[in-house]
């Protein structure tokens, strides 16, 4: 029983990792819009578009499905939604004879909604053309009879992101590896500082142990990132400054490991340990600065996603 208590936290850690792997590989990716044909339509007269969707099952949902085009600040309701396949819809719209002196072309967002998939968007997926005709009487798009109800999907899923598709599951592994690495290296940094202040070998051993584990998570983060990049960018490595910076931040620590191993059996162990602790400190500070940069970029990215997808938050 005593032995079990001493290893209980390891058992809990293994169970959490297994749970994360199971959920990360089996959870469904949410619905999304893959493409639209044709890519440009003229809204002055009746038009039809075919929509290719992702991870949808429209076989029995033809009666509850609705679609809208968000043109400028107005919504246009599809007159008919026809199910061609579980992941293909045909949308029919009535023409809108708007009064314009010149021809206008802009990007429009497609909004799809039903009781099972909830509401999801295809942001700026269709180019809409309004041919100038001053003889028309409509000066604005009339309000639709049915508006989106902001229905929630009836299943848990990962968010759909264009290009990422199924590889968005890597968020469960790649990002936590980086955050774990940075946290562990910060702990190594604290023990390195304590060793430099006291020259207590216990702090040096702990700093080295945490640093080794941090390096392992860093390497796993690089490898999972290379797998992700190869799928989304077509190459496992690019000249992106973040990627090169991540690799360079591992070099000082990799060099410091042989120094530490040499110091453990050398008469100059104190000096060598101090040197490797300084290197680990510098590496940990670099990791901490990277963490702050990551959090800042993440905040900006969340803000941009909210701004770009404001159609889902604020509907006309």
C-alpha atoms as a PDB file:
ATOM      1  CA  UNK A   1       0.000   0.000   0.000  1.00  0.00           C
ATOM      2  CA  UNK A   2       2.824   2.361   0.850  1.00  0.00           C
ATOM      3  CA  UNK A   3       4.505   1.598  -2.467  1.00  0.00           C
ATOM      4  CA  UNK A   4       1.252   2.311  -4.309  1.00  0.00           C
ATOM      5  CA  UNK A   5       0.923   5.698  -2.622  1.00  0.00           C
ATOM      6  CA  UNK A   6       4.433   6.629  -3.670  1.00  0.00           C
ATOM      7  CA  UNK A   7       3.622   5.834  -7.318  1.00  0.00           C
ATOM      8  CA  UNK A   8      -0.032   6.927  -7.329  1.00  0.00           C
ATOM      9  CA  UNK A   9       0.742  10.271  -8.971  1.00  0.00           C
ATOM     10  CA  UNK A  10       2.534   8.454 -11.786  1.00  0.00           C
ATOM     11  CA  UNK A  11      -0.483   6.199 -12.318  1.00  0.00           C
ATOM     12  CA  UNK A  12      -2.775   9.239 -12.424  1.00  0.00           C
ATOM     13  CA  UNK A  13      -0.428  10.909 -14.917  1.00  0.00           C
ATOM     14  CA  UNK A  14      -0.433   7.864 -17.202  1.00  0.00           C
ATOM     15  CA  UNK A  15      -4.242   7.656 -17.063  1.00  0.00           C
ATOM     16  CA  UNK A  16      -4.553  11.336 -17.959  1.00  0.00           C
ATOM     17  CA  UNK A  17      -2.188  10.894 -20.919  1.00  0.00           C
ATOM     18  CA  UNK A  18      -4.138   7.856 -22.151  1.00  0.00           C
ATOM     19  CA  UNK A  19      -7.410   9.751 -21.766  1.00  0.00           C
ATOM     20  CA  UNK A  20      -5.992  12.690 -23.719  1.00  0.00           C
ATOM     21  CA  UNK A  21      -4.821  10.382 -26.509  1.00  0.00           C
ATOM     22  CA  UNK A  22      -8.210   8.633 -26.658  1.00  0.00           C
ATOM     23  CA  UNK A  23     -10.247  11.843 -26.727  1.00  0.00           C
ATOM     24  CA  UNK A  24      -7.823  13.555 -29.069  1.00  0.00           C
ATOM     25  CA  UNK A  25      -7.999  10.782 -31.663  1.00  0.00           C
ATOM     26  CA  UNK A  26     -11.693   9.852 -31.463  1.00  0.00           C
ATOM     27  CA  UNK A  27     -13.518  13.172 -31.060  1.00  0.00           C
ATOM     28  CA  UNK A  28     -15.209  14.308 -34.235  1.00  0.00           C
ATOM     29  CA  UNK A  29     -14.165  17.498 -36.022  1.00  0.00           C
ATOM     30  CA  UNK A  30     -17.062  19.943 -36.328  1.00  0.00           C
ATOM     31  CA  UNK A  31     -18.893  20.890 -39.534  1.00  0.00           C
ATOM     32  CA  UNK A  32     -17.475  23.399 -41.967  1.00  0.00           C
ATOM     33  CA  UNK A  33     -17.651  24.699 -45.526  1.00  0.00           C
ATOM     34  CA  UNK A  34     -15.000  23.249 -47.831  1.00  0.00           C
ATOM     35  CA  UNK A  35     -15.957  24.922 -51.099  1.00  0.00           C
ATOM     36  CA  UNK A  36     -18.699  26.506 -53.198  1.00  0.00           C
ATOM     37  CA  UNK A  37     -19.449  26.178 -56.887  1.00  0.00           C
ATOM     38  CA  UNK A  38     -19.633  28.500 -58.716  1.00  0.00           C
ATOM     39  CA  UNK A  39     -17.301  30.801 -56.818  1.00  0.00           C
ATOM     40  CA  UNK A  40     -19.021  33.975 -58.137  1.00  0.00           C
ATOM     41  CA  UNK A  41     -22.695  34.718 -58.761  1.00  0.00           C
ATOM     42  CA  UNK A  42     -24.801  37.647 -59.919  1.00  0.00           C
ATOM     43  CA  UNK A  43     -27.568  38.343 -57.440  1.00  0.00           C
ATOM     44  CA  UNK A  44     -29.763  40.465 -59.748  1.00  0.00           C
ATOM     45  CA  UNK A  45     -31.422  37.276 -61.002  1.00  0.00           C
ATOM     46  CA  UNK A  46     -32.148  33.830 -59.534  1.00  0.00           C
ATOM     47  CA  UNK A  47     -29.045  31.753 -58.865  1.00  0.00           C
ATOM     48  CA  UNK A  48     -27.991  28.381 -57.455  1.00  0.00           C
ATOM     49  CA  UNK A  49     -24.830  27.305 -55.649  1.00  0.00           C
ATOM     50  CA  UNK A  50     -23.508  23.892 -54.654  1.00  0.00           C
ATOM     51  CA  UNK A  51     -21.885  23.712 -51.237  1.00  0.00           C
ATOM     52  CA  UNK A  52     -19.324  21.087 -50.235  1.00  0.00           C
ATOM     53  CA  UNK A  53     -19.360  20.619 -46.463  1.00  0.00           C
ATOM     54  CA  UNK A  54     -17.106  18.782 -44.038  1.00  0.00           C
ATOM     55  CA  UNK A  55     -18.128  16.157 -41.466  1.00  0.00           C
ATOM     56  CA  UNK A  56     -21.843  16.632 -42.003  1.00  0.00           C
ATOM     57  CA  UNK A  57     -24.703  14.139 -42.325  1.00  0.00           C
ATOM     58  CA  UNK A  58     -27.554  15.824 -44.166  1.00  0.00           C
ATOM     59  CA  UNK A  59     -29.311  12.617 -45.179  1.00  0.00           C
ATOM     60  CA  UNK A  60     -32.282  13.120 -42.830  1.00  0.00           C
ATOM     61  CA  UNK A  61     -32.056  16.845 -42.123  1.00  0.00           C
ATOM     62  CA  UNK A  62     -33.422  18.384 -45.304  1.00  0.00           C
ATOM     63  CA  UNK A  63     -36.497  19.804 -43.544  1.00  0.00           C
ATOM     64  CA  UNK A  64     -34.618  21.580 -40.744  1.00  0.00           C
ATOM     65  CA  UNK A  65     -31.723  22.986 -42.767  1.00  0.00           C
ATOM     66  CA  UNK A  66     -31.635  26.670 -43.633  1.00  0.00           C
ATOM     67  CA  UNK A  67     -29.051  28.780 -45.386  1.00  0.00           C
ATOM     68  CA  UNK A  68     -28.353  32.494 -45.678  1.00  0.00           C
ATOM     69  CA  UNK A  69     -25.922  34.685 -47.547  1.00  0.00           C
ATOM     70  CA  UNK A  70     -24.626  37.680 -45.633  1.00  0.00           C
ATOM     71  CA  UNK A  71     -24.215  40.329 -48.312  1.00  0.00           C
ATOM     72  CA  UNK A  72     -22.755  43.472 -46.833  1.00  0.00           C
ATOM     73  CA  UNK A  73     -24.900  44.012 -43.726  1.00  0.00           C
ATOM     74  CA  UNK A  74     -27.985  42.118 -44.887  1.00  0.00           C
ATOM     75  CA  UNK A  75     -29.108  38.486 -44.883  1.00  0.00           C
ATOM     76  CA  UNK A  76     -30.571  36.704 -47.905  1.00  0.00           C
ATOM     77  CA  UNK A  77     -32.484  33.502 -47.145  1.00  0.00           C
ATOM     78  CA  UNK A  78     -32.147  30.537 -49.510  1.00  0.00           C
ATOM     79  CA  UNK A  79     -35.485  29.747 -51.132  1.00  0.00           C
ATOM     80  CA  UNK A  80     -34.684  26.030 -51.198  1.00  0.00           C
ATOM     81  CA  UNK A  81     -32.092  23.765 -49.587  1.00  0.00           C
ATOM     82  CA  UNK A  82     -31.682  20.476 -51.455  1.00  0.00           C
ATOM     83  CA  UNK A  83     -29.609  17.604 -50.084  1.00  0.00           C
ATOM     84  CA  UNK A  84     -27.479  16.067 -52.830  1.00  0.00           C
ATOM     85  CA  UNK A  85     -25.310  13.962 -50.521  1.00  0.00           C
ATOM     86  CA  UNK A  86     -24.494  13.797 -46.797  1.00  0.00           C
ATOM     87  CA  UNK A  87     -21.784  16.416 -47.414  1.00  0.00           C
ATOM     88  CA  UNK A  88     -23.223  18.317 -50.364  1.00  0.00           C
ATOM     89  CA  UNK A  89     -26.072  20.825 -50.575  1.00  0.00           C
ATOM     90  CA  UNK A  90     -27.681  22.764 -53.409  1.00  0.00           C
ATOM     91  CA  UNK A  91     -28.962  26.193 -52.426  1.00  0.00           C
ATOM     92  CA  UNK A  92     -31.444  28.161 -54.542  1.00  0.00           C
ATOM     93  CA  UNK A  93     -31.839  31.927 -54.105  1.00  0.00           C
ATOM     94  CA  UNK A  94     -34.279  34.418 -55.584  1.00  0.00           C
ATOM     95  CA  UNK A  95     -32.766  37.298 -57.492  1.00  0.00           C
ATOM     96  CA  UNK A  96     -32.569  40.735 -55.861  1.00  0.00           C
ATOM     97  CA  UNK A  97     -32.991  43.586 -58.387  1.00  0.00           C
ATOM     98  CA  UNK A  98     -31.022  46.212 -56.480  1.00  0.00           C
ATOM     99  CA  UNK A  99     -30.730  49.765 -57.747  1.00  0.00           C
ATOM    100  CA  UNK A 100     -27.102  50.589 -58.515  1.00  0.00           C
ATOM    101  CA  UNK A 101     -25.516  52.889 -61.056  1.00  0.00           C
ATOM    102  CA  UNK A 102     -22.364  50.791 -61.357  1.00  0.00           C
ATOM    103  CA  UNK A 103     -21.460  47.112 -61.018  1.00  0.00           C
ATOM    104  CA  UNK A 104     -20.308  46.088 -57.538  1.00  0.00           C
ATOM    105  CA  UNK A 105     -18.437  42.940 -56.533  1.00  0.00           C
ATOM    106  CA  UNK A 106     -17.796  41.810 -52.952  1.00  0.00           C
ATOM    107  CA  UNK A 107     -17.257  38.757 -50.761  1.00  0.00           C
ATOM    108  CA  UNK A 108     -20.185  37.191 -48.939  1.00  0.00           C
ATOM    109  CA  UNK A 109     -20.390  34.828 -45.993  1.00  0.00           C
ATOM    110  CA  UNK A 110     -22.496  31.674 -46.094  1.00  0.00           C
ATOM    111  CA  UNK A 111     -24.435  30.774 -42.938  1.00  0.00           C
ATOM    112  CA  UNK A 112     -25.777  27.232 -42.548  1.00  0.00           C
ATOM    113  CA  UNK A 113     -27.968  26.050 -39.692  1.00  0.00           C
ATOM    114  CA  UNK A 114     -29.942  22.987 -38.706  1.00  0.00           C
ATOM    115  CA  UNK A 115     -31.003  21.224 -35.523  1.00  0.00           C
ATOM    116  CA  UNK A 116     -28.142  18.691 -35.519  1.00  0.00           C
ATOM    117  CA  UNK A 117     -25.084  20.590 -36.765  1.00  0.00           C
ATOM    118  CA  UNK A 118     -26.130  23.905 -35.226  1.00  0.00           C
ATOM    119  CA  UNK A 119     -24.976  27.100 -36.933  1.00  0.00           C
ATOM    120  CA  UNK A 120     -21.654  27.269 -38.772  1.00  0.00           C
ATOM    121  CA  UNK A 121     -20.119  29.621 -41.307  1.00  0.00           C
ATOM    122  CA  UNK A 122     -18.183  29.789 -44.506  1.00  0.00           C
ATOM    123  CA  UNK A 123     -16.563  33.215 -44.135  1.00  0.00           C
ATOM    124  CA  UNK A 124     -16.117  35.131 -47.413  1.00  0.00           C
ATOM    125  CA  UNK A 125     -16.472  31.956 -49.476  1.00  0.00           C
ATOM    126  CA  UNK A 126     -18.576  33.428 -52.290  1.00  0.00           C
ATOM    127  CA  UNK A 127     -18.076  36.483 -54.500  1.00  0.00           C
ATOM    128  CA  UNK A 128     -21.351  38.253 -55.217  1.00  0.00           C
ATOM    129  CA  UNK A 129     -21.801  40.627 -58.164  1.00  0.00           C
ATOM    130  CA  UNK A 130     -24.482  43.296 -58.401  1.00  0.00           C
ATOM    131  CA  UNK A 131     -24.899  44.532 -61.973  1.00  0.00           C
ATOM    132  CA  UNK A 132     -25.644  48.253 -62.154  1.00  0.00           C
ATOM    133  CA  UNK A 133     -29.204  49.036 -63.215  1.00  0.00           C
ATOM    134  CA  UNK A 134     -30.679  52.382 -62.193  1.00  0.00           C
ATOM    135  CA  UNK A 135     -34.151  51.316 -63.346  1.00  0.00           C
ATOM    136  CA  UNK A 136     -34.536  48.860 -60.442  1.00  0.00           C
ATOM    137  CA  UNK A 137     -36.640  49.987 -57.503  1.00  0.00           C
ATOM    138  CA  UNK A 138     -34.987  48.174 -54.569  1.00  0.00           C
ATOM    139  CA  UNK A 139     -32.437  50.304 -52.754  1.00  0.00           C
ATOM    140  CA  UNK A 140     -31.679  47.723 -50.026  1.00  0.00           C
ATOM    141  CA  UNK A 141     -32.015  43.995 -49.423  1.00  0.00           C
ATOM    142  CA  UNK A 142     -35.306  43.169 -47.655  1.00  0.00           C
ATOM    143  CA  UNK A 143     -35.203  41.367 -44.305  1.00  0.00           C
ATOM    144  CA  UNK A 144     -35.568  37.553 -44.552  1.00  0.00           C
ATOM    145  CA  UNK A 145     -38.673  35.786 -43.278  1.00  0.00           C
ATOM    146  CA  UNK A 146     -36.550  33.363 -41.228  1.00  0.00           C
ATOM    147  CA  UNK A 147     -33.457  34.424 -39.318  1.00  0.00           C
ATOM    148  CA  UNK A 148     -30.660  32.287 -37.813  1.00  0.00           C
ATOM    149  CA  UNK A 149     -31.574  30.971 -34.376  1.00  0.00           C
ATOM    150  CA  UNK A 150     -27.963  30.456 -33.231  1.00  0.00           C
ATOM    151  CA  UNK A 151     -28.616  26.753 -32.636  1.00  0.00           C
ATOM    152  CA  UNK A 152     -25.914  24.744 -30.887  1.00  0.00           C
ATOM    153  CA  UNK A 153     -24.629  21.508 -32.407  1.00  0.00           C
ATOM    154  CA  UNK A 154     -25.846  18.335 -30.762  1.00  0.00           C
ATOM    155  CA  UNK A 155     -22.413  16.738 -30.328  1.00  0.00           C
ATOM    156  CA  UNK A 156     -19.032  17.637 -28.902  1.00  0.00           C
ATOM    157  CA  UNK A 157     -16.387  18.323 -31.530  1.00  0.00           C
ATOM    158  CA  UNK A 158     -13.144  20.056 -32.323  1.00  0.00           C
ATOM    159  CA  UNK A 159     -13.618  23.334 -34.207  1.00  0.00           C
ATOM    160  CA  UNK A 160     -13.333  23.136 -37.976  1.00  0.00           C
ATOM    161  CA  UNK A 161     -10.505  25.161 -39.480  1.00  0.00           C
ATOM    162  CA  UNK A 162      -9.799  25.377 -43.191  1.00  0.00           C
ATOM    163  CA  UNK A 163      -6.524  23.655 -44.238  1.00  0.00           C
ATOM    164  CA  UNK A 164      -6.076  22.029 -40.815  1.00  0.00           C
ATOM    165  CA  UNK A 165      -9.034  19.636 -41.091  1.00  0.00           C
ATOM    166  CA  UNK A 166      -8.320  16.502 -39.002  1.00  0.00           C
ATOM    167  CA  UNK A 167      -4.846  17.665 -37.977  1.00  0.00           C
ATOM    168  CA  UNK A 168      -6.427  20.175 -35.611  1.00  0.00           C
ATOM    169  CA  UNK A 169      -6.382  17.243 -33.172  1.00  0.00           C
ATOM    170  CA  UNK A 170      -2.674  17.950 -32.820  1.00  0.00           C
ATOM    171  CA  UNK A 171      -3.639  20.870 -30.584  1.00  0.00           C
ATOM    172  CA  UNK A 172      -4.118  18.262 -27.845  1.00  0.00           C
ATOM    173  CA  UNK A 173      -0.473  17.244 -28.075  1.00  0.00           C
ATOM    174  CA  UNK A 174       1.706  19.895 -29.732  1.00  0.00           C
ATOM    175  CA  UNK A 175       0.647  22.930 -27.685  1.00  0.00           C
ATOM    176  CA  UNK A 176       0.627  21.182 -24.248  1.00  0.00           C
ATOM    177  CA  UNK A 177       4.142  19.874 -24.965  1.00  0.00           C
ATOM    178  CA  UNK A 178       5.413  23.430 -25.448  1.00  0.00           C
ATOM    179  CA  UNK A 179       3.649  24.738 -22.353  1.00  0.00           C
ATOM    180  CA  UNK A 180       4.893  21.781 -20.294  1.00  0.00           C
ATOM    181  CA  UNK A 181       8.434  22.347 -21.535  1.00  0.00           C
ATOM    182  CA  UNK A 182       8.352  26.010 -20.585  1.00  0.00           C
ATOM    183  CA  UNK A 183       6.910  25.288 -17.136  1.00  0.00           C
ATOM    184  CA  UNK A 184       9.492  22.598 -16.386  1.00  0.00           C
ATOM    185  CA  UNK A 185      12.368  24.766 -17.615  1.00  0.00           C
ATOM    186  CA  UNK A 186      11.194  27.578 -15.357  1.00  0.00           C
ATOM    187  CA  UNK A 187      11.389  25.159 -12.433  1.00  0.00           C
ATOM    188  CA  UNK A 188      14.895  24.218 -13.583  1.00  0.00           C
ATOM    189  CA  UNK A 189      15.697  27.927 -13.696  1.00  0.00           C
ATOM    190  CA  UNK A 190      14.601  28.373 -10.067  1.00  0.00           C
ATOM    191  CA  UNK A 191      16.746  25.468  -8.871  1.00  0.00           C
ATOM    192  CA  UNK A 192      19.694  26.737 -10.919  1.00  0.00           C
ATOM    193  CA  UNK A 193      19.449  30.118  -9.195  1.00  0.00           C
ATOM    194  CA  UNK A 194      19.221  28.437  -5.801  1.00  0.00           C
ATOM    195  CA  UNK A 195      22.320  26.384  -6.595  1.00  0.00           C
ATOM    196  CA  UNK A 196      24.252  29.454  -7.699  1.00  0.00           C
ATOM    197  CA  UNK A 197      23.342  31.143  -4.421  1.00  0.00           C
ATOM    198  CA  UNK A 198      24.092  28.210  -2.106  1.00  0.00           C
ATOM    199  CA  UNK A 199      26.274  25.752  -4.102  1.00  0.00           C
ATOM    200  CA  UNK A 200      24.095  22.991  -2.679  1.00  0.00           C
ATOM    201  CA  UNK A 201      24.482  20.000  -5.015  1.00  0.00           C
ATOM    202  CA  UNK A 202      20.903  18.899  -4.374  1.00  0.00           C
ATOM    203  CA  UNK A 203      19.617  21.968  -6.199  1.00  0.00           C
ATOM    204  CA  UNK A 204      22.014  21.301  -9.071  1.00  0.00           C
ATOM    205  CA  UNK A 205      20.777  17.710  -9.438  1.00  0.00           C
ATOM    206  CA  UNK A 206      17.135  18.844  -9.417  1.00  0.00           C
ATOM    207  CA  UNK A 207      17.852  21.598 -11.929  1.00  0.00           C
ATOM    208  CA  UNK A 208      19.500  19.080 -14.243  1.00  0.00           C
ATOM    209  CA  UNK A 209      16.654  16.560 -13.855  1.00  0.00           C
ATOM    210  CA  UNK A 210      13.989  19.139 -14.682  1.00  0.00           C
ATOM    211  CA  UNK A 211      16.037  20.458 -17.579  1.00  0.00           C
ATOM    212  CA  UNK A 212      16.363  16.972 -19.107  1.00  0.00           C
ATOM    213  CA  UNK A 213      12.600  16.435 -18.953  1.00  0.00           C
ATOM    214  CA  UNK A 214      12.030  19.905 -20.385  1.00  0.00           C
ATOM    215  CA  UNK A 215      14.315  19.131 -23.308  1.00  0.00           C
ATOM    216  CA  UNK A 216      12.415  15.900 -23.970  1.00  0.00           C
ATOM    217  CA  UNK A 217       9.109  17.804 -24.174  1.00  0.00           C
ATOM    218  CA  UNK A 218      10.782  20.411 -26.363  1.00  0.00           C
ATOM    219  CA  UNK A 219      11.968  17.781 -28.831  1.00  0.00           C
ATOM    220  CA  UNK A 220       8.533  16.163 -28.899  1.00  0.00           C
ATOM    221  CA  UNK A 221       7.045  19.610 -29.532  1.00  0.00           C
ATOM    222  CA  UNK A 222       9.366  20.114 -32.500  1.00  0.00           C
ATOM    223  CA  UNK A 223       8.579  16.691 -33.988  1.00  0.00           C
ATOM    224  CA  UNK A 224       4.792  17.096 -33.631  1.00  0.00           C
ATOM    225  CA  UNK A 225       5.128  20.585 -35.107  1.00  0.00           C
ATOM    226  CA  UNK A 226       7.078  19.216 -38.079  1.00  0.00           C
ATOM    227  CA  UNK A 227       4.351  16.635 -38.682  1.00  0.00           C
ATOM    228  CA  UNK A 228       1.717  19.377 -38.562  1.00  0.00           C
ATOM    229  CA  UNK A 229       3.693  21.682 -40.855  1.00  0.00           C
ATOM    230  CA  UNK A 230       4.272  18.914 -43.393  1.00  0.00           C
ATOM    231  CA  UNK A 231       0.512  18.405 -43.707  1.00  0.00           C
ATOM    232  CA  UNK A 232      -0.601  22.043 -43.755  1.00  0.00           C
ATOM    233  CA  UNK A 233       2.363  23.790 -45.423  1.00  0.00           C
ATOM    234  CA  UNK A 234       3.685  20.914 -47.532  1.00  0.00           C
ATOM    235  CA  UNK A 235       7.103  20.870 -45.833  1.00  0.00           C
ATOM    236  CA  UNK A 236       8.222  19.849 -42.328  1.00  0.00           C
ATOM    237  CA  UNK A 237      10.423  22.928 -41.947  1.00  0.00           C
ATOM    238  CA  UNK A 238      10.338  26.472 -43.277  1.00  0.00           C
ATOM    239  CA  UNK A 239      12.332  29.651 -42.743  1.00  0.00           C
ATOM    240  CA  UNK A 240       9.765  30.897 -40.240  1.00  0.00           C
ATOM    241  CA  UNK A 241      11.557  32.790 -37.404  1.00  0.00           C
ATOM    242  CA  UNK A 242       9.539  30.986 -34.736  1.00  0.00           C
ATOM    243  CA  UNK A 243      10.662  27.580 -35.951  1.00  0.00           C
ATOM    244  CA  UNK A 244      14.310  28.550 -36.234  1.00  0.00           C
ATOM    245  CA  UNK A 245      14.143  30.282 -32.870  1.00  0.00           C
ATOM    246  CA  UNK A 246      12.667  27.188 -31.251  1.00  0.00           C
ATOM    247  CA  UNK A 247      15.526  25.072 -32.582  1.00  0.00           C
ATOM    248  CA  UNK A 248      18.191  27.587 -31.567  1.00  0.00           C
ATOM    249  CA  UNK A 249      16.835  27.795 -28.023  1.00  0.00           C
ATOM    250  CA  UNK A 250      17.523  24.094 -27.620  1.00  0.00           C
ATOM    251  CA  UNK A 251      21.142  24.267 -28.714  1.00  0.00           C
ATOM    252  CA  UNK A 252      22.583  25.906 -25.554  1.00  0.00           C
ATOM    253  CA  UNK A 253      20.896  23.373 -23.332  1.00  0.00           C
ATOM    254  CA  UNK A 254      21.981  20.436 -25.520  1.00  0.00           C
ATOM    255  CA  UNK A 255      25.573  21.660 -25.247  1.00  0.00           C
ATOM    256  CA  UNK A 256      25.280  22.092 -21.475  1.00  0.00           C
ATOM    257  CA  UNK A 257      24.338  18.438 -20.848  1.00  0.00           C
ATOM    258  CA  UNK A 258      27.839  16.987 -21.531  1.00  0.00           C
ATOM    259  CA  UNK A 259      29.308  19.738 -19.360  1.00  0.00           C
ATOM    260  CA  UNK A 260      27.055  18.756 -16.475  1.00  0.00           C
ATOM    261  CA  UNK A 261      27.834  15.048 -16.906  1.00  0.00           C
ATOM    262  CA  UNK A 262      31.552  15.839 -16.890  1.00  0.00           C
ATOM    263  CA  UNK A 263      31.229  17.981 -13.775  1.00  0.00           C
ATOM    264  CA  UNK A 264      29.538  15.202 -11.782  1.00  0.00           C
ATOM    265  CA  UNK A 265      32.757  13.132 -11.885  1.00  0.00           C
ATOM    266  CA  UNK A 266      35.340  15.894 -11.967  1.00  0.00           C
ATOM    267  CA  UNK A 267      37.267  17.814  -9.366  1.00  0.00           C
ATOM    268  CA  UNK A 268      36.008  20.984 -11.028  1.00  0.00           C
ATOM    269  CA  UNK A 269      32.396  19.991 -10.459  1.00  0.00           C
ATOM    270  CA  UNK A 270      31.554  23.228  -8.663  1.00  0.00           C
ATOM    271  CA  UNK A 271      32.763  25.444 -11.489  1.00  0.00           C
ATOM    272  CA  UNK A 272      31.276  23.247 -14.202  1.00  0.00           C
ATOM    273  CA  UNK A 273      27.973  22.997 -12.390  1.00  0.00           C
ATOM    274  CA  UNK A 274      27.850  26.764 -12.063  1.00  0.00           C
ATOM    275  CA  UNK A 275      28.584  27.109 -15.782  1.00  0.00           C
ATOM    276  CA  UNK A 276      25.889  24.653 -16.805  1.00  0.00           C
ATOM    277  CA  UNK A 277      23.446  26.240 -14.365  1.00  0.00           C
ATOM    278  CA  UNK A 278      24.111  29.616 -15.951  1.00  0.00           C
ATOM    279  CA  UNK A 279      23.436  28.099 -19.375  1.00  0.00           C
ATOM    280  CA  UNK A 280      20.244  26.481 -18.068  1.00  0.00           C
ATOM    281  CA  UNK A 281      19.211  29.802 -16.536  1.00  0.00           C
ATOM    282  CA  UNK A 282      19.742  31.571 -19.837  1.00  0.00           C
ATOM    283  CA  UNK A 283      17.851  28.848 -21.662  1.00  0.00           C
ATOM    284  CA  UNK A 284      14.984  28.994 -19.162  1.00  0.00           C
ATOM    285  CA  UNK A 285      14.769  32.780 -19.429  1.00  0.00           C
ATOM    286  CA  UNK A 286      14.617  32.354 -23.206  1.00  0.00           C
ATOM    287  CA  UNK A 287      11.817  29.813 -22.756  1.00  0.00           C
ATOM    288  CA  UNK A 288      10.000  32.209 -20.422  1.00  0.00           C
ATOM    289  CA  UNK A 289      10.256  35.026 -22.963  1.00  0.00           C
ATOM    290  CA  UNK A 290       8.957  32.616 -25.605  1.00  0.00           C
ATOM    291  CA  UNK A 291       6.026  31.778 -23.315  1.00  0.00           C
ATOM    292  CA  UNK A 292       5.180  35.464 -22.942  1.00  0.00           C
ATOM    293  CA  UNK A 293       5.436  35.890 -26.710  1.00  0.00           C
ATOM    294  CA  UNK A 294       3.213  32.863 -27.261  1.00  0.00           C
ATOM    295  CA  UNK A 295       0.584  34.159 -24.840  1.00  0.00           C
ATOM    296  CA  UNK A 296       0.676  37.578 -26.496  1.00  0.00           C
ATOM    297  CA  UNK A 297       0.353  36.094 -29.979  1.00  0.00           C
ATOM    298  CA  UNK A 298      -2.418  33.777 -28.783  1.00  0.00           C
ATOM    299  CA  UNK A 299      -4.338  36.750 -27.387  1.00  0.00           C
ATOM    300  CA  UNK A 300      -3.935  38.645 -30.645  1.00  0.00           C
ATOM    301  CA  UNK A 301      -4.952  35.575 -32.641  1.00  0.00           C
ATOM    302  CA  UNK A 302      -8.096  35.104 -30.545  1.00  0.00           C
ATOM    303  CA  UNK A 303      -8.945  38.767 -31.068  1.00  0.00           C
ATOM    304  CA  UNK A 304      -8.450  38.434 -34.838  1.00  0.00           C
ATOM    305  CA  UNK A 305     -10.545  35.249 -35.000  1.00  0.00           C
ATOM    306  CA  UNK A 306     -13.354  36.996 -33.145  1.00  0.00           C
ATOM    307  CA  UNK A 307     -13.060  40.013 -35.441  1.00  0.00           C
ATOM    308  CA  UNK A 308     -12.950  37.923 -38.630  1.00  0.00           C
ATOM    309  CA  UNK A 309     -15.858  35.734 -37.517  1.00  0.00           C
ATOM    310  CA  UNK A 310     -17.970  38.567 -36.133  1.00  0.00           C
ATOM    311  CA  UNK A 311     -20.762  37.403 -38.451  1.00  0.00           C
ATOM    312  CA  UNK A 312     -21.433  34.619 -35.958  1.00  0.00           C
ATOM    313  CA  UNK A 313     -21.483  36.995 -33.002  1.00  0.00           C
ATOM    314  CA  UNK A 314     -23.332  39.940 -34.513  1.00  0.00           C
ATOM    315  CA  UNK A 315     -25.872  39.108 -37.173  1.00  0.00           C
ATOM    316  CA  UNK A 316     -27.713  41.892 -38.996  1.00  0.00           C
END
